[in-house]
Amino acid sequence: MTDDDQPVIPLPTAHEKEVSFLARSGAVVTLRLIDTGRYELKLDTRGDYTAVLLHDGTTFELHPAPGVHALGGTGLTATDIYEGF
């Protein structure tokens, strides 16, 4: 997969504080702006899944809430997030 083939993760902005996208599994992933480069991530298929998504302009970090066992980590790409959900 080349960089041009990477999925694009839509990120909320100050004007559009919440956005959603369809992950590979069909789950709707909702991102809500917390602060610059910091977002809350929720899944429609797993009500218990909440995570903080950080984006530095290049890579992502995903930190699930305590007690939530699911995708998380640092150095993630848009593809990792799209494929992981």
N, C-alpha and C. Protein backbone atom coordinates (compact mmCIF):
# COMPACT_ATOMS: atom_id res chain seq x y z
N MET A 1 0.85 -1.17 0.00
CA MET A 1 0.00 0.00 0.00
C MET A 1 0.90 1.24 0.00
N THR A 2 0.69 2.12 -0.91
CA THR A 2 1.47 3.35 -0.98
C THR A 2 0.79 4.42 -0.12
N ASP A 3 1.49 5.53 0.10
CA ASP A 3 0.90 6.62 0.88
C ASP A 3 -0.38 7.11 0.24
N ASP A 4 -0.46 7.07 -1.09
CA ASP A 4 -1.67 7.51 -1.78
C ASP A 4 -2.85 6.58 -1.52
N ASP A 5 -2.56 5.33 -1.14
CA ASP A 5 -3.61 4.35 -0.87
C ASP A 5 -4.09 4.38 0.58
N GLN A 6 -3.44 5.16 1.42
CA GLN A 6 -3.80 5.23 2.83
C GLN A 6 -5.21 5.80 2.99
N PRO A 7 -6.02 5.18 3.84
CA PRO A 7 -7.31 5.80 4.12
C PRO A 7 -7.09 7.13 4.84
N VAL A 8 -8.04 8.00 4.73
CA VAL A 8 -7.96 9.30 5.40
C VAL A 8 -8.91 9.26 6.59
N ILE A 9 -8.38 9.58 7.76
CA ILE A 9 -9.21 9.67 8.95
C ILE A 9 -9.66 11.12 9.08
N PRO A 10 -10.97 11.37 8.97
CA PRO A 10 -11.43 12.76 9.09
C PRO A 10 -11.32 13.20 10.55
N LEU A 11 -10.71 14.34 10.77
CA LEU A 11 -10.55 14.84 12.13
C LEU A 11 -11.44 16.05 12.36
N PRO A 12 -12.08 16.09 13.53
CA PRO A 12 -12.92 17.25 13.83
C PRO A 12 -12.09 18.53 13.89
N THR A 13 -12.77 19.64 13.71
CA THR A 13 -12.13 20.95 13.78
C THR A 13 -12.89 21.82 14.78
N ALA A 14 -12.41 23.02 14.99
CA ALA A 14 -13.10 23.94 15.89
C ALA A 14 -14.51 24.25 15.39
N HIS A 15 -14.71 24.20 14.08
CA HIS A 15 -16.03 24.48 13.50
C HIS A 15 -16.93 23.24 13.47
N GLU A 16 -16.32 22.10 13.26
CA GLU A 16 -17.06 20.83 13.20
C GLU A 16 -16.49 19.95 14.31
N LYS A 17 -17.08 20.01 15.48
CA LYS A 17 -16.49 19.41 16.68
C LYS A 17 -16.61 17.89 16.74
N GLU A 18 -17.42 17.29 15.87
CA GLU A 18 -17.59 15.84 15.88
C GLU A 18 -17.74 15.34 14.45
N VAL A 19 -17.02 14.29 14.12
CA VAL A 19 -17.14 13.65 12.81
C VAL A 19 -17.17 12.14 13.00
N SER A 20 -17.70 11.46 12.01
CA SER A 20 -17.75 10.00 12.04
C SER A 20 -17.25 9.46 10.71
N PHE A 21 -16.73 8.23 10.77
CA PHE A 21 -16.34 7.55 9.55
C PHE A 21 -16.62 6.07 9.71
N LEU A 22 -16.74 5.38 8.60
CA LEU A 22 -17.01 3.95 8.57
C LEU A 22 -15.69 3.20 8.50
N ALA A 23 -15.42 2.36 9.50
CA ALA A 23 -14.20 1.56 9.52
C ALA A 23 -14.39 0.32 8.65
N ARG A 24 -13.32 -0.40 8.44
CA ARG A 24 -13.37 -1.57 7.56
C ARG A 24 -14.40 -2.59 8.00
N SER A 25 -14.55 -2.78 9.32
CA SER A 25 -15.50 -3.77 9.84
C SER A 25 -16.95 -3.35 9.66
N GLY A 26 -17.16 -2.08 9.31
CA GLY A 26 -18.51 -1.56 9.20
C GLY A 26 -18.92 -0.76 10.42
N ALA A 27 -18.07 -0.74 11.44
CA ALA A 27 -18.36 0.05 12.64
C ALA A 27 -18.27 1.54 12.32
N VAL A 28 -19.16 2.29 12.94
CA VAL A 28 -19.08 3.75 12.83
C VAL A 28 -18.19 4.24 13.95
N VAL A 29 -17.11 4.92 13.57
CA VAL A 29 -16.17 5.48 14.53
C VAL A 29 -16.46 6.97 14.62
N THR A 30 -16.71 7.45 15.84
CA THR A 30 -17.00 8.87 16.06
C THR A 30 -15.84 9.51 16.80
N LEU A 31 -15.37 10.62 16.26
CA LEU A 31 -14.31 11.40 16.88
C LEU A 31 -14.88 12.73 17.33
N ARG A 32 -14.59 13.11 18.58
CA ARG A 32 -15.04 14.39 19.11
C ARG A 32 -13.82 15.18 19.55
N LEU A 33 -13.74 16.42 19.12
CA LEU A 33 -12.61 17.28 19.45
C LEU A 33 -12.59 17.57 20.95
N ILE A 34 -11.43 17.32 21.58
CA ILE A 34 -11.22 17.66 22.98
C ILE A 34 -10.36 18.92 23.05
N ASP A 35 -9.26 18.91 22.29
CA ASP A 35 -8.31 20.02 22.25
C ASP A 35 -7.50 19.84 20.97
N THR A 36 -6.65 20.78 20.65
CA THR A 36 -5.84 20.68 19.43
C THR A 36 -5.06 19.36 19.42
N GLY A 37 -5.30 18.54 18.39
CA GLY A 37 -4.60 17.27 18.24
C GLY A 37 -5.04 16.19 19.20
N ARG A 38 -6.14 16.40 19.92
CA ARG A 38 -6.62 15.45 20.94
C ARG A 38 -8.13 15.23 20.73
N TYR A 39 -8.51 13.96 20.61
CA TYR A 39 -9.90 13.61 20.27
C TYR A 39 -10.39 12.46 21.14
N GLU A 40 -11.68 12.43 21.39
CA GLU A 40 -12.31 11.27 22.02
C GLU A 40 -12.81 10.38 20.91
N LEU A 41 -12.56 9.09 21.01
CA LEU A 41 -12.97 8.13 19.99
C LEU A 41 -13.96 7.16 20.61
N LYS A 42 -15.08 6.95 19.92
CA LYS A 42 -16.09 5.99 20.36
C LYS A 42 -16.53 5.14 19.17
N LEU A 43 -16.99 3.93 19.47
CA LEU A 43 -17.49 3.01 18.45
C LEU A 43 -18.98 2.77 18.65
N ASP A 44 -19.73 2.70 17.56
CA ASP A 44 -21.16 2.41 17.68
C ASP A 44 -21.41 0.94 18.01
N THR A 45 -20.46 0.07 17.72
CA THR A 45 -20.65 -1.36 17.94
C THR A 45 -20.25 -1.81 19.33
N ARG A 46 -19.48 -0.97 20.03
CA ARG A 46 -19.03 -1.31 21.38
C ARG A 46 -19.21 -0.09 22.27
N GLY A 47 -20.32 -0.03 22.95
CA GLY A 47 -20.62 1.10 23.80
C GLY A 47 -19.60 1.33 24.91
N ASP A 48 -18.87 0.26 25.29
CA ASP A 48 -17.89 0.39 26.36
C ASP A 48 -16.54 0.91 25.86
N TYR A 49 -16.37 1.01 24.54
CA TYR A 49 -15.06 1.42 24.01
C TYR A 49 -14.98 2.94 23.91
N THR A 50 -14.10 3.49 24.71
CA THR A 50 -13.78 4.91 24.64
C THR A 50 -12.27 5.02 24.68
N ALA A 51 -11.73 5.89 23.86
CA ALA A 51 -10.29 6.08 23.83
C ALA A 51 -9.98 7.54 23.53
N VAL A 52 -8.75 7.93 23.85
CA VAL A 52 -8.25 9.24 23.46
C VAL A 52 -7.33 9.02 22.27
N LEU A 53 -7.59 9.75 21.21
CA LEU A 53 -6.77 9.69 19.99
C LEU A 53 -5.95 10.97 19.92
N LEU A 54 -4.64 10.83 19.80
CA LEU A 54 -3.74 11.96 19.64
C LEU A 54 -3.18 11.92 18.23
N HIS A 55 -3.05 13.08 17.61
CA HIS A 55 -2.51 13.15 16.26
C HIS A 55 -1.51 14.28 16.19
N ASP A 56 -0.28 13.95 15.78
CA ASP A 56 0.78 14.96 15.73
C ASP A 56 0.99 15.51 14.32
N GLY A 57 0.07 15.17 13.41
CA GLY A 57 0.19 15.61 12.03
C GLY A 57 0.74 14.52 11.13
N THR A 58 1.37 13.51 11.72
CA THR A 58 1.93 12.40 10.96
C THR A 58 1.39 11.06 11.42
N THR A 59 1.53 10.78 12.71
CA THR A 59 1.08 9.49 13.25
C THR A 59 0.04 9.73 14.34
N PHE A 60 -0.59 8.63 14.72
CA PHE A 60 -1.62 8.67 15.75
C PHE A 60 -1.17 7.88 16.97
N GLU A 61 -1.69 8.26 18.12
CA GLU A 61 -1.58 7.48 19.35
C GLU A 61 -3.01 7.22 19.80
N LEU A 62 -3.27 6.02 20.26
CA LEU A 62 -4.60 5.65 20.70
C LEU A 62 -4.50 5.07 22.10
N HIS A 63 -5.18 5.70 23.05
CA HIS A 63 -5.11 5.30 24.46
C HIS A 63 -6.51 4.96 24.95
N PRO A 64 -6.85 3.64 24.98
CA PRO A 64 -8.17 3.25 25.48
C PRO A 64 -8.35 3.64 26.95
N ALA A 65 -9.58 3.87 27.35
CA ALA A 65 -9.89 4.17 28.74
C ALA A 65 -9.47 2.99 29.61
N PRO A 66 -9.16 3.26 30.89
CA PRO A 66 -8.79 2.17 31.80
C PRO A 66 -9.86 1.07 31.80
N GLY A 67 -9.41 -0.17 31.74
CA GLY A 67 -10.31 -1.30 31.76
C GLY A 67 -10.84 -1.72 30.39
N VAL A 68 -10.56 -0.93 29.36
CA VAL A 68 -11.01 -1.26 28.01
C VAL A 68 -9.86 -1.96 27.29
N HIS A 69 -10.11 -3.17 26.85
CA HIS A 69 -9.09 -3.95 26.18
C HIS A 69 -9.39 -4.02 24.69
N ALA A 70 -8.72 -3.17 23.94
CA ALA A 70 -8.94 -3.11 22.49
C ALA A 70 -7.75 -2.38 21.88
N LEU A 71 -7.87 -2.08 20.60
CA LEU A 71 -6.81 -1.42 19.86
C LEU A 71 -6.29 -0.19 20.61
N GLY A 72 -4.99 -0.09 20.68
CA GLY A 72 -4.33 1.06 21.30
C GLY A 72 -2.88 1.04 20.89
N GLY A 73 -2.14 2.09 21.18
CA GLY A 73 -0.72 2.11 20.91
C GLY A 73 -0.27 3.43 20.34
N THR A 74 1.02 3.49 20.03
CA THR A 74 1.63 4.70 19.49
C THR A 74 2.18 4.41 18.10
N GLY A 75 2.46 5.45 17.35
CA GLY A 75 3.02 5.29 16.01
C GLY A 75 2.05 4.67 15.02
N LEU A 76 0.75 4.81 15.28
CA LEU A 76 -0.26 4.21 14.40
C LEU A 76 -0.49 5.07 13.17
N THR A 77 -0.84 4.42 12.07
CA THR A 77 -1.18 5.12 10.83
C THR A 77 -2.70 5.14 10.70
N ALA A 78 -3.18 5.91 9.74
CA ALA A 78 -4.61 5.92 9.44
C ALA A 78 -5.07 4.51 9.06
N THR A 79 -4.23 3.78 8.33
CA THR A 79 -4.57 2.41 7.94
C THR A 79 -4.74 1.52 9.17
N ASP A 80 -3.84 1.65 10.15
CA ASP A 80 -3.96 0.84 11.38
C ASP A 80 -5.31 1.07 12.05
N ILE A 81 -5.73 2.32 12.11
CA ILE A 81 -6.99 2.65 12.76
C ILE A 81 -8.17 2.15 11.93
N TYR A 82 -8.15 2.41 10.64
CA TYR A 82 -9.22 1.96 9.74
C TYR A 82 -9.36 0.44 9.78
N GLU A 83 -8.24 -0.26 9.67
CA GLU A 83 -8.26 -1.74 9.67
C GLU A 83 -8.58 -2.31 11.05
N GLY A 84 -8.14 -1.61 12.11
CA GLY A 84 -8.30 -2.13 13.47
C GLY A 84 -9.71 -2.08 13.98
N PHE A 85 -10.53 -1.24 13.40
CA PHE A 85 -11.92 -1.14 13.85
C PHE A 85 -12.85 -1.71 12.83
